[in-house]
Amino acid sequence: MPKINKASIKIDDLNMVSATQAKNKFGDLLHQVCYEKNPVLIEKNGRPMAVILDIDLYQELKRGKNSSID
């Protein structure tokens, strides 16, 4: 999977896993997110529920949100 452009994260571009898979493979997902810089979408009953992303991307998105409010 290609690296996600920090400026435009699209749900369709994310690696999707079920909540059960996320629970059973959390260490692998954490590695994918932190070291490969690939956010992961977690689904439950076929519905998107959460996204796991690395701290740098989270902080960048948070800064962008705060600056657009000002």
PDB file of N, CA and C in Angstrom:
ATOM      1  N   MET A   1       0.843  -1.182   0.000  1.00  0.00           N
ATOM      2  CA  MET A   1       0.000   0.000   0.000  1.00  0.00           C
ATOM      3  C   MET A   1       0.884   1.240   0.000  1.00  0.00           C
ATOM      4  N   PRO A   2       0.604   2.224  -0.858  1.00  0.00           N
ATOM      5  CA  PRO A   2       1.437   3.430  -0.897  1.00  0.00           C
ATOM      6  C   PRO A   2       1.280   4.260   0.360  1.00  0.00           C
ATOM      7  N   LYS A   3       2.286   5.075   0.638  1.00  0.00           N
ATOM      8  CA  LYS A   3       2.230   5.968   1.787  1.00  0.00           C
ATOM      9  C   LYS A   3       1.071   6.949   1.613  1.00  0.00           C
ATOM     10  N   ILE A   4       0.453   7.313   2.712  1.00  0.00           N
ATOM     11  CA  ILE A   4      -0.662   8.251   2.695  1.00  0.00           C
ATOM     12  C   ILE A   4      -0.122   9.670   2.714  1.00  0.00           C
ATOM     13  N   ASN A   5      -0.583  10.500   1.787  1.00  0.00           N
ATOM     14  CA  ASN A   5      -0.235  11.915   1.765  1.00  0.00           C
ATOM     15  C   ASN A   5      -0.898  12.572   2.959  1.00  0.00           C
ATOM     16  N   LYS A   6      -0.105  13.210   3.811  1.00  0.00           N
ATOM     17  CA  LYS A   6      -0.646  13.797   5.028  1.00  0.00           C
ATOM     18  C   LYS A   6      -1.679  14.875   4.749  1.00  0.00           C
ATOM     19  N   ALA A   7      -1.617  15.491   3.596  1.00  0.00           N
ATOM     20  CA  ALA A   7      -2.552  16.570   3.277  1.00  0.00           C
ATOM     21  C   ALA A   7      -3.929  16.046   2.890  1.00  0.00           C
ATOM     22  N   SER A   8      -4.004  14.801   2.451  1.00  0.00           N
ATOM     23  CA  SER A   8      -5.299  14.301   1.978  1.00  0.00           C
ATOM     24  C   SER A   8      -5.471  12.830   2.315  1.00  0.00           C
ATOM     25  N   ILE A   9      -5.930  12.546   3.503  1.00  0.00           N
ATOM     26  CA  ILE A   9      -6.201  11.169   3.903  1.00  0.00           C
ATOM     27  C   ILE A   9      -7.635  10.850   3.506  1.00  0.00           C
ATOM     28  N   LYS A  10      -7.794   9.803   2.719  1.00  0.00           N
ATOM     29  CA  LYS A  10      -9.119   9.389   2.273  1.00  0.00           C
ATOM     30  C   LYS A  10      -9.407   8.012   2.842  1.00  0.00           C
ATOM     31  N   ILE A  11     -10.620   7.816   3.290  1.00  0.00           N
ATOM     32  CA  ILE A  11     -10.997   6.530   3.873  1.00  0.00           C
ATOM     33  C   ILE A  11     -10.761   5.398   2.889  1.00  0.00           C
ATOM     34  N   ASP A  12     -11.029   5.629   1.606  1.00  0.00           N
ATOM     35  CA  ASP A  12     -10.853   4.582   0.598  1.00  0.00           C
ATOM     36  C   ASP A  12      -9.404   4.133   0.473  1.00  0.00           C
ATOM     37  N   ASP A  13      -8.454   4.993   0.872  1.00  0.00           N
ATOM     38  CA  ASP A  13      -7.034   4.671   0.750  1.00  0.00           C
ATOM     39  C   ASP A  13      -6.485   3.908   1.952  1.00  0.00           C
ATOM     40  N   LEU A  14      -7.264   3.806   3.020  1.00  0.00           N
ATOM     41  CA  LEU A  14      -6.759   3.199   4.246  1.00  0.00           C
ATOM     42  C   LEU A  14      -6.875   1.680   4.219  1.00  0.00           C
ATOM     43  N   ASN A  15      -5.931   1.028   4.894  1.00  0.00           N
ATOM     44  CA  ASN A  15      -6.007  -0.405   5.115  1.00  0.00           C
ATOM     45  C   ASN A  15      -7.128  -0.638   6.122  1.00  0.00           C
ATOM     46  N   MET A  16      -8.108  -1.467   5.781  1.00  0.00           N
ATOM     47  CA  MET A  16      -9.245  -1.708   6.662  1.00  0.00           C
ATOM     48  C   MET A  16      -9.134  -3.073   7.318  1.00  0.00           C
ATOM     49  N   VAL A  17      -9.422  -3.112   8.620  1.00  0.00           N
ATOM     50  CA  VAL A  17      -9.453  -4.372   9.360  1.00  0.00           C
ATOM     51  C   VAL A  17     -10.687  -4.373  10.256  1.00  0.00           C
ATOM     52  N   SER A  18     -11.150  -5.565  10.578  1.00  0.00           N
ATOM     53  CA  SER A  18     -12.281  -5.671  11.495  1.00  0.00           C
ATOM     54  C   SER A  18     -11.794  -5.422  12.921  1.00  0.00           C
ATOM     55  N   ALA A  19     -12.722  -5.122  13.809  1.00  0.00           N
ATOM     56  CA  ALA A  19     -12.372  -4.905  15.211  1.00  0.00           C
ATOM     57  C   ALA A  19     -11.731  -6.162  15.804  1.00  0.00           C
ATOM     58  N   THR A  20     -12.221  -7.317  15.414  1.00  0.00           N
ATOM     59  CA  THR A  20     -11.647  -8.575  15.903  1.00  0.00           C
ATOM     60  C   THR A  20     -10.216  -8.746  15.414  1.00  0.00           C
ATOM     61  N   GLN A  21      -9.980  -8.463  14.130  1.00  0.00           N
ATOM     62  CA  GLN A  21      -8.616  -8.547  13.596  1.00  0.00           C
ATOM     63  C   GLN A  21      -7.705  -7.555  14.305  1.00  0.00           C
ATOM     64  N   ALA A  22      -8.208  -6.346  14.554  1.00  0.00           N
ATOM     65  CA  ALA A  22      -7.404  -5.328  15.236  1.00  0.00           C
ATOM     66  C   ALA A  22      -7.010  -5.801  16.629  1.00  0.00           C
ATOM     67  N   LYS A  23      -7.940  -6.422  17.331  1.00  0.00           N
ATOM     68  CA  LYS A  23      -7.658  -6.939  18.670  1.00  0.00           C
ATOM     69  C   LYS A  23      -6.603  -8.039  18.610  1.00  0.00           C
ATOM     70  N   ASN A  24      -6.757  -8.943  17.663  1.00  0.00           N
ATOM     71  CA  ASN A  24      -5.854 -10.089  17.570  1.00  0.00           C
ATOM     72  C   ASN A  24      -4.484  -9.747  16.997  1.00  0.00           C
ATOM     73  N   LYS A  25      -4.390  -8.692  16.204  1.00  0.00           N
ATOM     74  CA  LYS A  25      -3.144  -8.332  15.508  1.00  0.00           C
ATOM     75  C   LYS A  25      -2.676  -6.923  15.868  1.00  0.00           C
ATOM     76  N   PHE A  26      -2.989  -6.460  17.083  1.00  0.00           N
ATOM     77  CA  PHE A  26      -2.705  -5.074  17.427  1.00  0.00           C
ATOM     78  C   PHE A  26      -1.228  -4.725  17.284  1.00  0.00           C
ATOM     79  N   GLY A  27      -0.340  -5.602  17.686  1.00  0.00           N
ATOM     80  CA  GLY A  27       1.096  -5.342  17.550  1.00  0.00           C
ATOM     81  C   GLY A  27       1.506  -5.132  16.103  1.00  0.00           C
ATOM     82  N   ASP A  28       0.973  -5.958  15.207  1.00  0.00           N
ATOM     83  CA  ASP A  28       1.262  -5.807  13.774  1.00  0.00           C
ATOM     84  C   ASP A  28       0.715  -4.485  13.243  1.00  0.00           C
ATOM     85  N   LEU A  29      -0.495  -4.127  13.667  1.00  0.00           N
ATOM     86  CA  LEU A  29      -1.086  -2.863  13.227  1.00  0.00           C
ATOM     87  C   LEU A  29      -0.281  -1.675  13.736  1.00  0.00           C
ATOM     88  N   LEU A  30       0.157  -1.750  14.972  1.00  0.00           N
ATOM     89  CA  LEU A  30       0.958  -0.674  15.546  1.00  0.00           C
ATOM     90  C   LEU A  30       2.254  -0.499  14.761  1.00  0.00           C
ATOM     91  N   HIS A  31       2.879  -1.585  14.377  1.00  0.00           N
ATOM     92  CA  HIS A  31       4.092  -1.520  13.563  1.00  0.00           C
ATOM     93  C   HIS A  31       3.788  -0.861  12.214  1.00  0.00           C
ATOM     94  N   GLN A  32       2.710  -1.291  11.573  1.00  0.00           N
ATOM     95  CA  GLN A  32       2.325  -0.727  10.276  1.00  0.00           C
ATOM     96  C   GLN A  32       2.092   0.778  10.389  1.00  0.00           C
ATOM     97  N   VAL A  33       1.427   1.201  11.441  1.00  0.00           N
ATOM     98  CA  VAL A  33       1.104   2.617  11.624  1.00  0.00           C
ATOM     99  C   VAL A  33       2.347   3.431  11.966  1.00  0.00           C
ATOM    100  N   CYS A  34       3.136   2.960  12.912  1.00  0.00           N
ATOM    101  CA  CYS A  34       4.274   3.742  13.417  1.00  0.00           C
ATOM    102  C   CYS A  34       5.485   3.724  12.495  1.00  0.00           C
ATOM    103  N   TYR A  35       5.815   2.580  11.946  1.00  0.00           N
ATOM    104  CA  TYR A  35       7.054   2.456  11.188  1.00  0.00           C
ATOM    105  C   TYR A  35       6.850   2.524   9.679  1.00  0.00           C
ATOM    106  N   GLU A  36       5.722   2.059   9.202  1.00  0.00           N
ATOM    107  CA  GLU A  36       5.439   2.120   7.767  1.00  0.00           C
ATOM    108  C   GLU A  36       4.602   3.345   7.407  1.00  0.00           C
ATOM    109  N   LYS A  37       4.142   4.062   8.424  1.00  0.00           N
ATOM    110  CA  LYS A  37       3.365   5.305   8.252  1.00  0.00           C
ATOM    111  C   LYS A  37       2.083   5.088   7.451  1.00  0.00           C
ATOM    112  N   ASN A  38       1.436   3.953   7.678  1.00  0.00           N
ATOM    113  CA  ASN A  38       0.174   3.630   7.015  1.00  0.00           C
ATOM    114  C   ASN A  38      -0.949   3.586   8.046  1.00  0.00           C
ATOM    115  N   PRO A  39      -1.828   4.593   8.073  1.00  0.00           N
ATOM    116  CA  PRO A  39      -2.968   4.561   8.992  1.00  0.00           C
ATOM    117  C   PRO A  39      -3.863   3.353   8.711  1.00  0.00           C
ATOM    118  N   VAL A  40      -4.601   2.916   9.723  1.00  0.00           N
ATOM    119  CA  VAL A  40      -5.473   1.751   9.607  1.00  0.00           C
ATOM    120  C   VAL A  40      -6.884   2.144  10.046  1.00  0.00           C
ATOM    121  N   LEU A  41      -7.863   1.764   9.249  1.00  0.00           N
ATOM    122  CA  LEU A  41      -9.269   1.978   9.576  1.00  0.00           C
ATOM    123  C   LEU A  41      -9.811   0.716  10.232  1.00  0.00           C
ATOM    124  N   ILE A  42     -10.475   0.858  11.370  1.00  0.00           N
ATOM    125  CA  ILE A  42     -11.069  -0.285  12.062  1.00  0.00           C
ATOM    126  C   ILE A  42     -12.576  -0.248  11.843  1.00  0.00           C
ATOM    127  N   GLU A  43     -13.098  -1.379  11.365  1.00  0.00           N
ATOM    128  CA  GLU A  43     -14.530  -1.509  11.111  1.00  0.00           C
ATOM    129  C   GLU A  43     -15.158  -2.446  12.129  1.00  0.00           C
ATOM    130  N   LYS A  44     -16.413  -2.202  12.429  1.00  0.00           N
ATOM    131  CA  LYS A  44     -17.190  -3.122  13.262  1.00  0.00           C
ATOM    132  C   LYS A  44     -18.538  -3.300  12.583  1.00  0.00           C
ATOM    133  N   ASN A  45     -18.897  -4.535  12.342  1.00  0.00           N
ATOM    134  CA  ASN A  45     -20.137  -4.848  11.628  1.00  0.00           C
ATOM    135  C   ASN A  45     -20.221  -4.123  10.286  1.00  0.00           C
ATOM    136  N   GLY A  46     -19.069  -4.020   9.605  1.00  0.00           N
ATOM    137  CA  GLY A  46     -19.026  -3.411   8.281  1.00  0.00           C
ATOM    138  C   GLY A  46     -19.058  -1.893   8.257  1.00  0.00           C
ATOM    139  N   ARG A  47     -19.041  -1.264   9.432  1.00  0.00           N
ATOM    140  CA  ARG A  47     -19.079   0.204   9.503  1.00  0.00           C
ATOM    141  C   ARG A  47     -17.756   0.744  10.016  1.00  0.00           C
ATOM    142  N   PRO A  48     -17.235   1.791   9.401  1.00  0.00           N
ATOM    143  CA  PRO A  48     -16.003   2.415   9.903  1.00  0.00           C
ATOM    144  C   PRO A  48     -16.235   2.959  11.307  1.00  0.00           C
ATOM    145  N   MET A  49     -15.326   2.637  12.237  1.00  0.00           N
ATOM    146  CA  MET A  49     -15.489   3.053  13.629  1.00  0.00           C
ATOM    147  C   MET A  49     -14.351   3.934  14.135  1.00  0.00           C
ATOM    148  N   ALA A  50     -13.125   3.655  13.692  1.00  0.00           N
ATOM    149  CA  ALA A  50     -11.969   4.390  14.211  1.00  0.00           C
ATOM    150  C   ALA A  50     -10.812   4.283  13.235  1.00  0.00           C
ATOM    151  N   VAL A  51      -9.854   5.180  13.408  1.00  0.00           N
ATOM    152  CA  VAL A  51      -8.627   5.155  12.621  1.00  0.00           C
ATOM    153  C   VAL A  51      -7.453   5.188  13.585  1.00  0.00           C
ATOM    154  N   ILE A  52      -6.469   4.335  13.336  1.00  0.00           N
ATOM    155  CA  ILE A  52      -5.213   4.378  14.083  1.00  0.00           C
ATOM    156  C   ILE A  52      -4.194   5.052  13.176  1.00  0.00           C
ATOM    157  N   LEU A  53      -3.536   6.085  13.689  1.00  0.00           N
ATOM    158  CA  LEU A  53      -2.506   6.771  12.909  1.00  0.00           C
ATOM    159  C   LEU A  53      -1.348   7.147  13.811  1.00  0.00           C
ATOM    160  N   ASP A  54      -0.177   7.366  13.197  1.00  0.00           N
ATOM    161  CA  ASP A  54       1.013   7.643  13.995  1.00  0.00           C
ATOM    162  C   ASP A  54       0.915   9.034  14.613  1.00  0.00           C
ATOM    163  N   ILE A  55       1.650   9.245  15.691  1.00  0.00           N
ATOM    164  CA  ILE A  55       1.562  10.464  16.482  1.00  0.00           C
ATOM    165  C   ILE A  55       1.936  11.701  15.673  1.00  0.00           C
ATOM    166  N   ASP A  56       2.907  11.592  14.794  1.00  0.00           N
ATOM    167  CA  ASP A  56       3.310  12.751  13.989  1.00  0.00           C
ATOM    168  C   ASP A  56       2.167  13.218  13.090  1.00  0.00           C
ATOM    169  N   LEU A  57       1.502  12.282  12.447  1.00  0.00           N
ATOM    170  CA  LEU A  57       0.378  12.630  11.584  1.00  0.00           C
ATOM    171  C   LEU A  57      -0.768  13.203  12.412  1.00  0.00           C
ATOM    172  N   TYR A  58      -1.028  12.605  13.557  1.00  0.00           N
ATOM    173  CA  TYR A  58      -2.078  13.119  14.442  1.00  0.00           C
ATOM    174  C   TYR A  58      -1.800  14.564  14.827  1.00  0.00           C
ATOM    175  N   GLN A  59      -0.566  14.844  15.242  1.00  0.00           N
ATOM    176  CA  GLN A  59      -0.216  16.203  15.654  1.00  0.00           C
ATOM    177  C   GLN A  59      -0.311  17.182  14.486  1.00  0.00           C
ATOM    178  N   GLU A  60       0.099  16.739  13.294  1.00  0.00           N
ATOM    179  CA  GLU A  60       0.000  17.601  12.116  1.00  0.00           C
ATOM    180  C   GLU A  60      -1.456  17.907  11.782  1.00  0.00           C
ATOM    181  N   LEU A  61      -2.305  16.901  11.831  1.00  0.00           N
ATOM    182  CA  LEU A  61      -3.722  17.114  11.561  1.00  0.00           C
ATOM    183  C   LEU A  61      -4.350  18.018  12.617  1.00  0.00           C
ATOM    184  N   LYS A  62      -3.950  17.820  13.865  1.00  0.00           N
ATOM    185  CA  LYS A  62      -4.480  18.647  14.951  1.00  0.00           C
ATOM    186  C   LYS A  62      -4.058  20.107  14.779  1.00  0.00           C
ATOM    187  N   ARG A  63      -2.798  20.336  14.428  1.00  0.00           N
ATOM    188  CA  ARG A  63      -2.324  21.708  14.181  1.00  0.00           C
ATOM    189  C   ARG A  63      -3.086  22.338  13.025  1.00  0.00           C
ATOM    190  N   GLY A  64      -3.302  21.580  11.974  1.00  0.00           N
ATOM    191  CA  GLY A  64      -4.035  22.092  10.820  1.00  0.00           C
ATOM    192  C   GLY A  64      -5.459  22.467  11.177  1.00  0.00           C
ATOM    193  N   LYS A  65      -6.093  21.655  11.996  1.00  0.00           N
ATOM    194  CA  LYS A  65      -7.462  21.945  12.419  1.00  0.00           C
ATOM    195  C   LYS A  65      -7.488  23.214  13.259  1.00  0.00           C
ATOM    196  N   ASN A  66      -6.549  23.335  14.186  1.00  0.00           N
ATOM    197  CA  ASN A  66      -6.512  24.513  15.049  1.00  0.00           C
ATOM    198  C   ASN A  66      -6.230  25.781  14.260  1.00  0.00           C
ATOM    199  N   SER A  67      -5.347  25.711  13.272  1.00  0.00           N
ATOM    200  CA  SER A  67      -5.016  26.911  12.502  1.00  0.00           C
ATOM    201  C   SER A  67      -6.168  27.326  11.590  1.00  0.00           C
ATOM    202  N   SER A  68      -6.992  26.380  11.158  1.00  0.00           N
ATOM    203  CA  SER A  68      -8.116  26.745  10.302  1.00  0.00           C
ATOM    204  C   SER A  68      -9.250  27.375  11.102  1.00  0.00           C
ATOM    205  N   ILE A  69      -9.267  27.141  12.407  1.00  0.00           N
ATOM    206  CA  ILE A  69     -10.287  27.741  13.262  1.00  0.00           C
ATOM    207  C   ILE A  69      -9.972  29.208  13.512  1.00  0.00           C
ATOM    208  N   ASP A  70      -8.687  29.562  13.608  1.00  0.00           N
ATOM    209  CA  ASP A  70      -8.279  30.942  13.911  1.00  0.00           C
ATOM    210  C   ASP A  70      -8.650  31.910  12.827  1.00  0.00           C
TER     211      ASP A  70
END
